[in-house]
C-alpha atoms as a PDB file:
ATOM      1  CA  MET A   1       0.000   0.000   0.000  1.00  0.00           C
ATOM      2  CA  SER A   2       1.410   3.357  -0.991  1.00  0.00           C
ATOM      3  CA  VAL A   3       0.078   6.775  -0.069  1.00  0.00           C
ATOM      4  CA  SER A   4       2.132   9.862  -0.796  1.00  0.00           C
ATOM      5  CA  PRO A   5       2.184  12.587   1.903  1.00  0.00           C
ATOM      6  CA  VAL A   6      -0.643  15.075   1.754  1.00  0.00           C
ATOM      7  CA  GLY A   7      -0.073  18.824   1.722  1.00  0.00           C
ATOM      8  CA  SER A   8       0.956  21.562  -0.648  1.00  0.00           C
ATOM      9  CA  SER A   9       4.515  21.987  -1.739  1.00  0.00           C
ATOM     10  CA  SER A  10       6.786  24.308   0.239  1.00  0.00           C
ATOM     11  CA  ALA A  11       6.591  26.821  -2.599  1.00  0.00           C
ATOM     12  CA  ASN A  12       2.791  26.944  -2.399  1.00  0.00           C
ATOM     13  CA  THR A  13       2.915  27.226   1.385  1.00  0.00           C
ATOM     14  CA  ASN A  14       5.401  30.097   1.221  1.00  0.00           C
ATOM     15  CA  ALA A  15       3.279  31.828  -1.425  1.00  0.00           C
ATOM     16  CA  LYS A  16       0.195  31.649   0.796  1.00  0.00           C
ATOM     17  CA  ALA A  17       2.146  32.943   3.790  1.00  0.00           C
ATOM     18  CA  GLN A  18       3.521  35.850   1.757  1.00  0.00           C
ATOM     19  CA  SER A  19       0.041  36.625   0.425  1.00  0.00           C
ATOM     20  CA  GLY A  20      -1.418  36.680   3.952  1.00  0.00           C
ATOM     21  CA  ALA A  21       1.421  38.854   5.229  1.00  0.00           C
ATOM     22  CA  SER A  22       0.932  41.255   2.334  1.00  0.00           C
ATOM     23  CA  MET A  23      -2.780  41.615   3.047  1.00  0.00           C
ATOM     24  CA  ALA A  24      -2.114  42.132   6.760  1.00  0.00           C
ATOM     25  CA  ALA A  25       0.464  44.829   5.933  1.00  0.00           C
ATOM     26  CA  THR A  26      -2.043  46.561   3.652  1.00  0.00           C
ATOM     27  CA  PHE A  27      -4.615  46.441   6.457  1.00  0.00           C
ATOM     28  CA  ASP A  28      -2.175  48.039   8.925  1.00  0.00           C
ATOM     29  CA  GLN A  29      -1.195  50.716   6.432  1.00  0.00           C
ATOM     30  CA  PHE A  30      -4.834  51.603   5.885  1.00  0.00           C
ATOM     31  CA  LEU A  31      -5.426  51.935   9.628  1.00  0.00           C
ATOM     32  CA  THR A  32      -2.305  54.097  10.077  1.00  0.00           C
ATOM     33  CA  LEU A  33      -3.300  56.340   7.173  1.00  0.00           C
ATOM     34  CA  LEU A  34      -6.813  56.840   8.511  1.00  0.00           C
ATOM     35  CA  THR A  35      -5.583  57.621  12.036  1.00  0.00           C
ATOM     36  CA  THR A  36      -2.986  60.095  10.730  1.00  0.00           C
ATOM     37  CA  GLN A  37      -5.628  61.766   8.605  1.00  0.00           C
ATOM     38  CA  LEU A  38      -7.887  62.287  11.617  1.00  0.00           C
ATOM     39  CA  GLN A  39      -5.040  63.623  13.767  1.00  0.00           C
ATOM     40  CA  ASN A  40      -3.909  66.160  11.185  1.00  0.00           C
ATOM     41  CA  GLN A  41      -7.190  67.412   9.795  1.00  0.00           C
ATOM     42  CA  ASN A  42      -7.785  71.156   9.671  1.00  0.00           C
ATOM     43  CA  PRO A  43      -9.970  72.190  12.639  1.00  0.00           C
ATOM     44  CA  LEU A  44     -11.504  74.914  10.481  1.00  0.00           C
ATOM     45  CA  ASP A  45     -12.220  72.451   7.700  1.00  0.00           C
ATOM     46  CA  PRO A  46     -12.728  69.022   9.270  1.00  0.00           C
ATOM     47  CA  LEU A  47     -13.036  65.798   7.308  1.00  0.00           C
ATOM     48  CA  ASP A  48     -16.309  65.511   5.436  1.00  0.00           C
ATOM     49  CA  THR A  49     -18.723  63.164   7.245  1.00  0.00           C
ATOM     50  CA  ASN A  50     -19.581  61.245   4.059  1.00  0.00           C
ATOM     51  CA  GLN A  51     -15.921  60.697   3.204  1.00  0.00           C
ATOM     52  CA  PHE A  52     -15.208  59.547   6.752  1.00  0.00           C
ATOM     53  CA  THR A  53     -18.119  57.074   6.591  1.00  0.00           C
ATOM     54  CA  GLN A  54     -16.949  55.708   3.219  1.00  0.00           C
ATOM     55  CA  GLN A  55     -13.447  55.133   4.575  1.00  0.00           C
ATOM     56  CA  LEU A  56     -14.842  53.314   7.592  1.00  0.00           C
ATOM     57  CA  VAL A  57     -16.841  51.057   5.253  1.00  0.00           C
ATOM     58  CA  GLN A  58     -13.681  50.323   3.267  1.00  0.00           C
ATOM     59  CA  PHE A  59     -11.865  49.620   6.522  1.00  0.00           C
ATOM     60  CA  ALA A  60     -14.549  47.082   7.538  1.00  0.00           C
ATOM     61  CA  GLY A  61     -14.456  45.506   4.071  1.00  0.00           C
ATOM     62  CA  VAL A  62     -10.707  44.929   4.242  1.00  0.00           C
ATOM     63  CA  GLU A  63     -11.021  43.383   7.695  1.00  0.00           C
ATOM     64  CA  GLN A  64     -13.843  41.084   6.562  1.00  0.00           C
ATOM     65  CA  GLN A  65     -11.876  39.977   3.494  1.00  0.00           C
ATOM     66  CA  LEU A  66      -8.911  39.021   5.659  1.00  0.00           C
ATOM     67  CA  LYS A  67     -11.116  36.929   7.929  1.00  0.00           C
ATOM     68  CA  THR A  68     -12.887  35.280   4.966  1.00  0.00           C
ATOM     69  CA  ASN A  69      -9.622  34.283   3.305  1.00  0.00           C
ATOM     70  CA  SER A  70      -8.340  32.814   6.545  1.00  0.00           C
ATOM     71  CA  GLN A  71     -11.514  30.774   7.029  1.00  0.00           C
ATOM     72  CA  LEU A  72     -11.477  29.522   3.435  1.00  0.00           C
ATOM     73  CA  GLU A  73      -7.876  28.335   3.783  1.00  0.00           C
ATOM     74  CA  ALA A  74      -8.841  26.478   6.970  1.00  0.00           C
ATOM     75  CA  LEU A  75     -11.767  24.788   5.207  1.00  0.00           C
ATOM     76  CA  ILE A  76      -9.585  23.750   2.247  1.00  0.00           C
ATOM     77  CA  LEU A  77      -6.970  22.279   4.579  1.00  0.00           C
ATOM     78  CA  GLN A  78      -9.688  20.389   6.465  1.00  0.00           C
ATOM     79  CA  ALA A  79     -11.121  18.981   3.219  1.00  0.00           C
ATOM     80  CA  LYS A  80      -7.676  17.818   2.100  1.00  0.00           C
ATOM     81  CA  THR A  81      -7.053  16.134   5.435  1.00  0.00           C
ATOM     82  CA  GLN A  82     -10.392  14.320   5.311  1.00  0.00           C
ATOM     83  CA  SER A  83      -9.725  13.113   1.748  1.00  0.00           C
ATOM     84  CA  VAL A  84      -6.606  11.175   2.832  1.00  0.00           C
ATOM     85  CA  PRO A  85      -8.326   8.170   4.464  1.00  0.00           C
ATOM     86  CA  ALA A  86     -11.049   8.121   1.792  1.00  0.00           C
ATOM     87  CA  ALA A  87      -8.548   8.032  -1.079  1.00  0.00           C
ATOM     88  CA  ALA A  88      -6.234   5.607   0.742  1.00  0.00           C
ATOM     89  CA  GLY A  89      -9.167   3.200   1.001  1.00  0.00           C
ATOM     90  CA  PHE A  90      -9.041   2.799  -2.790  1.00  0.00           C
ATOM     91  CA  VAL A  91      -5.675   1.035  -2.654  1.00  0.00           C
ATOM     92  CA  GLY A  92      -6.122  -2.633  -3.547  1.00  0.00           C
ATOM     93  CA  MET A  93      -9.534  -1.993  -5.130  1.00  0.00           C
ATOM     94  CA  LYS A  94     -10.503  -2.470  -8.771  1.00  0.00           C
ATOM     95  CA  LEU A  95     -11.194   0.850 -10.452  1.00  0.00           C
ATOM     96  CA  THR A  96     -13.335   1.919 -13.393  1.00  0.00           C
ATOM     97  CA  ALA A  97     -12.868   5.487 -14.594  1.00  0.00           C
ATOM     98  CA  ASP A  98     -13.526   7.725 -17.570  1.00  0.00           C
ATOM     99  CA  GLY A  99     -10.696   7.539 -20.062  1.00  0.00           C
ATOM    100  CA  SER A 100      -9.399   6.029 -23.250  1.00  0.00           C
ATOM    101  CA  THR A 101      -5.793   5.203 -22.261  1.00  0.00           C
ATOM    102  CA  ALA A 102      -5.191   1.829 -20.621  1.00  0.00           C
ATOM    103  CA  THR A 103      -1.989   0.052 -19.624  1.00  0.00           C
ATOM    104  CA  LEU A 104      -0.930  -3.109 -21.452  1.00  0.00           C
ATOM    105  CA  ALA A 105       0.454  -5.541 -18.863  1.00  0.00           C
ATOM    106  CA  ASN A 106       0.858  -9.329 -19.044  1.00  0.00           C
ATOM    107  CA  ASN A 107      -0.286  -9.151 -22.688  1.00  0.00           C
ATOM    108  CA  GLN A 108      -3.640  -7.619 -21.793  1.00  0.00           C
ATOM    109  CA  ALA A 109      -5.226  -4.171 -21.862  1.00  0.00           C
ATOM    110  CA  ASN A 110      -8.851  -3.693 -20.851  1.00  0.00           C
ATOM    111  CA  TRP A 111     -11.443  -1.041 -21.586  1.00  0.00           C
ATOM    112  CA  SER A 112     -15.078  -0.769 -20.611  1.00  0.00           C
ATOM    113  CA  LEU A 113     -17.457   0.618 -23.246  1.00  0.00           C
ATOM    114  CA  LYS A 114     -20.955   2.030 -23.227  1.00  0.00           C
ATOM    115  CA  SER A 115     -22.975   2.351 -26.416  1.00  0.00           C
ATOM    116  CA  PRO A 116     -26.443   3.931 -26.649  1.00  0.00           C
ATOM    117  CA  ALA A 117     -27.430   1.682 -29.580  1.00  0.00           C
ATOM    118  CA  THR A 118     -26.436  -1.375 -31.597  1.00  0.00           C
ATOM    119  CA  GLY A 119     -24.316  -0.907 -34.684  1.00  0.00           C
ATOM    120  CA  THR A 120     -20.970  -1.552 -36.320  1.00  0.00           C
ATOM    121  CA  ALA A 121     -17.808  -0.197 -34.724  1.00  0.00           C
ATOM    122  CA  THR A 122     -14.171   0.131 -35.676  1.00  0.00           C
ATOM    123  CA  PHE A 123     -11.830  -0.262 -32.704  1.00  0.00           C
ATOM    124  CA  THR A 124      -8.424   1.370 -33.125  1.00  0.00           C
ATOM    125  CA  VAL A 125      -5.553   1.039 -30.649  1.00  0.00           C
ATOM    126  CA  THR A 126      -2.694   3.541 -30.869  1.00  0.00           C
ATOM    127  CA  ASP A 127       0.598   3.887 -28.993  1.00  0.00           C
ATOM    128  CA  ARG A 128       2.089   6.967 -27.331  1.00  0.00           C
ATOM    129  CA  ASN A 129       3.249   8.257 -30.716  1.00  0.00           C
ATOM    130  CA  ASN A 130      -0.330   8.028 -32.024  1.00  0.00           C
ATOM    131  CA  LYS A 131       0.688   5.164 -34.312  1.00  0.00           C
ATOM    132  CA  THR A 132      -1.971   2.523 -34.978  1.00  0.00           C
ATOM    133  CA  VAL A 133      -0.926  -0.845 -33.585  1.00  0.00           C
ATOM    134  CA  TYR A 134      -4.225  -2.691 -33.875  1.00  0.00           C
ATOM    135  CA  SER A 135      -7.595  -2.234 -35.567  1.00  0.00           C
ATOM    136  CA  GLU A 136     -10.710  -4.308 -36.074  1.00  0.00           C
ATOM    137  CA  THR A 137     -14.328  -3.783 -37.159  1.00  0.00           C
ATOM    138  CA  ARG A 138     -17.213  -5.729 -35.652  1.00  0.00           C
ATOM    139  CA  LYS A 139     -20.744  -5.474 -34.308  1.00  0.00           C
ATOM    140  CA  ILE A 140     -21.332  -3.592 -31.092  1.00  0.00           C
ATOM    141  CA  ALA A 141     -24.278  -4.080 -28.747  1.00  0.00           C
ATOM    142  CA  ALA A 142     -26.231  -1.464 -26.867  1.00  0.00           C
ATOM    143  CA  GLY A 143     -25.299  -0.943 -23.239  1.00  0.00           C
ATOM    144  CA  GLN A 144     -22.234  -1.718 -21.126  1.00  0.00           C
ATOM    145  CA  GLN A 145     -19.572  -4.046 -22.545  1.00  0.00           C
ATOM    146  CA  SER A 146     -15.823  -4.585 -22.556  1.00  0.00           C
ATOM    147  CA  PHE A 147     -12.962  -4.593 -25.046  1.00  0.00           C
ATOM    148  CA  THR A 148      -9.745  -6.501 -24.420  1.00  0.00           C
ATOM    149  CA  TRP A 149      -6.585  -6.270 -26.504  1.00  0.00           C
ATOM    150  CA  ASN A 150      -3.942  -8.982 -26.208  1.00  0.00           C
ATOM    151  CA  GLY A 151      -1.054  -6.719 -27.183  1.00  0.00           C
ATOM    152  CA  LYS A 152      -0.683  -8.116 -30.707  1.00  0.00           C
ATOM    153  CA  ASP A 153      -1.426  -6.730 -34.153  1.00  0.00           C
ATOM    154  CA  GLN A 154      -3.060  -8.562 -37.053  1.00  0.00           C
ATOM    155  CA  ASN A 155       0.309 -10.126 -37.917  1.00  0.00           C
ATOM    156  CA  LYS A 156       0.694 -11.550 -34.391  1.00  0.00           C
ATOM    157  CA  VAL A 157       3.500  -9.111 -33.598  1.00  0.00           C
ATOM    158  CA  THR A 158       3.625  -8.543 -29.820  1.00  0.00           C
ATOM    159  CA  PHE A 159       3.958  -4.973 -28.547  1.00  0.00           C
ATOM    160  CA  PRO A 160       5.752  -3.970 -25.349  1.00  0.00           C
ATOM    161  CA  ALA A 161       3.974  -3.173 -22.099  1.00  0.00           C
ATOM    162  CA  GLY A 162       2.913   0.434 -21.687  1.00  0.00           C
ATOM    163  CA  ASP A 163       0.039   2.841 -22.216  1.00  0.00           C
ATOM    164  CA  TYR A 164      -2.194   2.522 -25.275  1.00  0.00           C
ATOM    165  CA  ARG A 165      -5.226   4.529 -26.366  1.00  0.00           C
ATOM    166  CA  LEU A 166      -8.485   3.113 -27.713  1.00  0.00           C
ATOM    167  CA  SER A 167     -10.797   5.024 -30.043  1.00  0.00           C
ATOM    168  CA  VAL A 168     -14.176   3.727 -31.216  1.00  0.00           C
ATOM    169  CA  ALA A 169     -15.935   4.919 -34.378  1.00  0.00           C
ATOM    170  CA  ALA A 170     -19.437   3.438 -34.548  1.00  0.00           C
ATOM    171  CA  LYS A 171     -22.536   3.759 -36.745  1.00  0.00           C
ATOM    172  CA  ASP A 172     -26.023   2.348 -36.490  1.00  0.00           C
ATOM    173  CA  SER A 173     -27.879   0.465 -39.244  1.00  0.00           C
ATOM    174  CA  ALA A 174     -28.998   3.774 -40.773  1.00  0.00           C
ATOM    175  CA  GLY A 175     -25.427   5.060 -40.996  1.00  0.00           C
ATOM    176  CA  ARG A 176     -25.809   7.545 -38.156  1.00  0.00           C
ATOM    177  CA  ALA A 177     -22.835   8.010 -35.851  1.00  0.00           C
ATOM    178  CA  ILE A 178     -23.031   6.464 -32.389  1.00  0.00           C
ATOM    179  CA  ALA A 179     -21.224   8.130 -29.491  1.00  0.00           C
ATOM    180  CA  VAL A 180     -19.473   5.303 -27.638  1.00  0.00           C
ATOM    181  CA  SER A 181     -17.901   6.268 -24.306  1.00  0.00           C
ATOM    182  CA  THR A 182     -14.736   4.531 -23.109  1.00  0.00           C
ATOM    183  CA  GLU A 183     -13.656   3.727 -19.579  1.00  0.00           C
ATOM    184  CA  ILE A 184     -10.497   2.150 -18.179  1.00  0.00           C
ATOM    185  CA  GLU A 185     -10.131  -0.549 -15.566  1.00  0.00           C
ATOM    186  CA  GLY A 186      -7.305  -1.578 -13.291  1.00  0.00           C
ATOM    187  CA  LEU A 187      -6.043  -2.213  -9.784  1.00  0.00           C
ATOM    188  CA  VAL A 188      -5.238   0.815  -7.611  1.00  0.00           C
ATOM    189  CA  ASP A 189      -1.800   0.301  -6.068  1.00  0.00           C
ATOM    190  CA  ALA A 190      -0.994   3.818  -4.829  1.00  0.00           C
ATOM    191  CA  VAL A 191      -2.426   7.263  -4.130  1.00  0.00           C
ATOM    192  CA  ARG A 192      -0.648  10.550  -4.775  1.00  0.00           C
ATOM    193  CA  PHE A 193      -1.653  13.992  -3.543  1.00  0.00           C
ATOM    194  CA  GLU A 194      -0.866  16.838  -5.929  1.00  0.00           C
ATOM    195  CA  GLY A 195      -2.707  20.128  -5.861  1.00  0.00           C
ATOM    196  CA  ASP A 196      -6.262  19.989  -4.562  1.00  0.00           C
ATOM    197  CA  MET A 197      -7.243  16.510  -5.754  1.00  0.00           C
ATOM    198  CA  PRO A 198      -5.914  12.993  -5.033  1.00  0.00           C
ATOM    199  CA  ILE A 199      -4.429  11.037  -7.945  1.00  0.00           C
ATOM    200  CA  LEU A 200      -5.070   7.282  -8.029  1.00  0.00           C
ATOM    201  CA  MET A 201      -2.256   5.212  -9.496  1.00  0.00           C
ATOM    202  CA  MET A 202      -2.641   1.998 -11.488  1.00  0.00           C
ATOM    203  CA  GLY A 203       0.990   1.134 -12.104  1.00  0.00           C
ATOM    204  CA  ASN A 204       2.346   4.165 -13.967  1.00  0.00           C
ATOM    205  CA  GLN A 205      -1.118   5.257 -15.014  1.00  0.00           C
ATOM    206  CA  GLN A 206      -2.674   8.251 -13.266  1.00  0.00           C
ATOM    207  CA  VAL A 207      -6.417   8.610 -12.703  1.00  0.00           C
ATOM    208  CA  ALA A 208      -7.910  11.858 -11.400  1.00  0.00           C
ATOM    209  CA  TYR A 209     -10.225  11.504  -8.410  1.00  0.00           C
ATOM    210  CA  ASP A 210     -13.169  13.059 -10.271  1.00  0.00           C
ATOM    211  CA  LYS A 211     -12.862  10.583 -13.164  1.00  0.00           C
ATOM    212  CA  VAL A 212     -13.714   7.566 -10.995  1.00  0.00           C
ATOM    213  CA  ARG A 213     -16.962   5.858 -11.955  1.00  0.00           C
ATOM    214  CA  GLN A 214     -16.815   2.622  -9.974  1.00  0.00           C
ATOM    215  CA  ILE A 215     -14.767   1.017  -7.192  1.00  0.00           C
ATOM    216  CA  ARG A 216     -15.176  -2.643  -6.279  1.00  0.00           C
ATOM    217  CA  GLN A 217     -13.359  -5.415  -4.473  1.00  0.00           C
ATOM    218  CA  ASN A 218     -10.619  -7.048  -6.536  1.00  0.00           C
END
């Protein structure tokens, strides 16, 4: 089981600290300027009441913004902390997620498909260089189904393990295009935390947390 440490990078942390310090400094400068203005106003021509009220409103707005930002950062940190055990629970589970790129391992790459209608489909598998390594045309049923590639082309040439992309071009009996969605399947063996969202790892393949469609026991 592998779970990378949660938390932003030191650069992001320093940036947030500098941003907070900058806002606090601006707040203090505003307060000092307002106080100095009141102390040095002309007794014969005092500060206009409307202007004074407007500056007080601005003062309150700055203070409220500082408090809001602080509370939002606390909520984000809390959400990240709570996501650690939830994401870690995916390790060892079988995952289905939106995507067209699957990993070929042990001479097998698997995709899950969903078609809204029956028809004829051309399945094309390409490598990282977008070169076609396998293609076939056959009937496709309506609903959920799977497509498995054994890592060989039509000439029985075996391709190395790695990531391969599947595209499906389908038409119904009337020649109308059918939109076939593709999903990938695999075993989650690690979780990484980068930015605001956990990344589930299936070997070297990365799956964003929001792309997950199904998790089940292996």
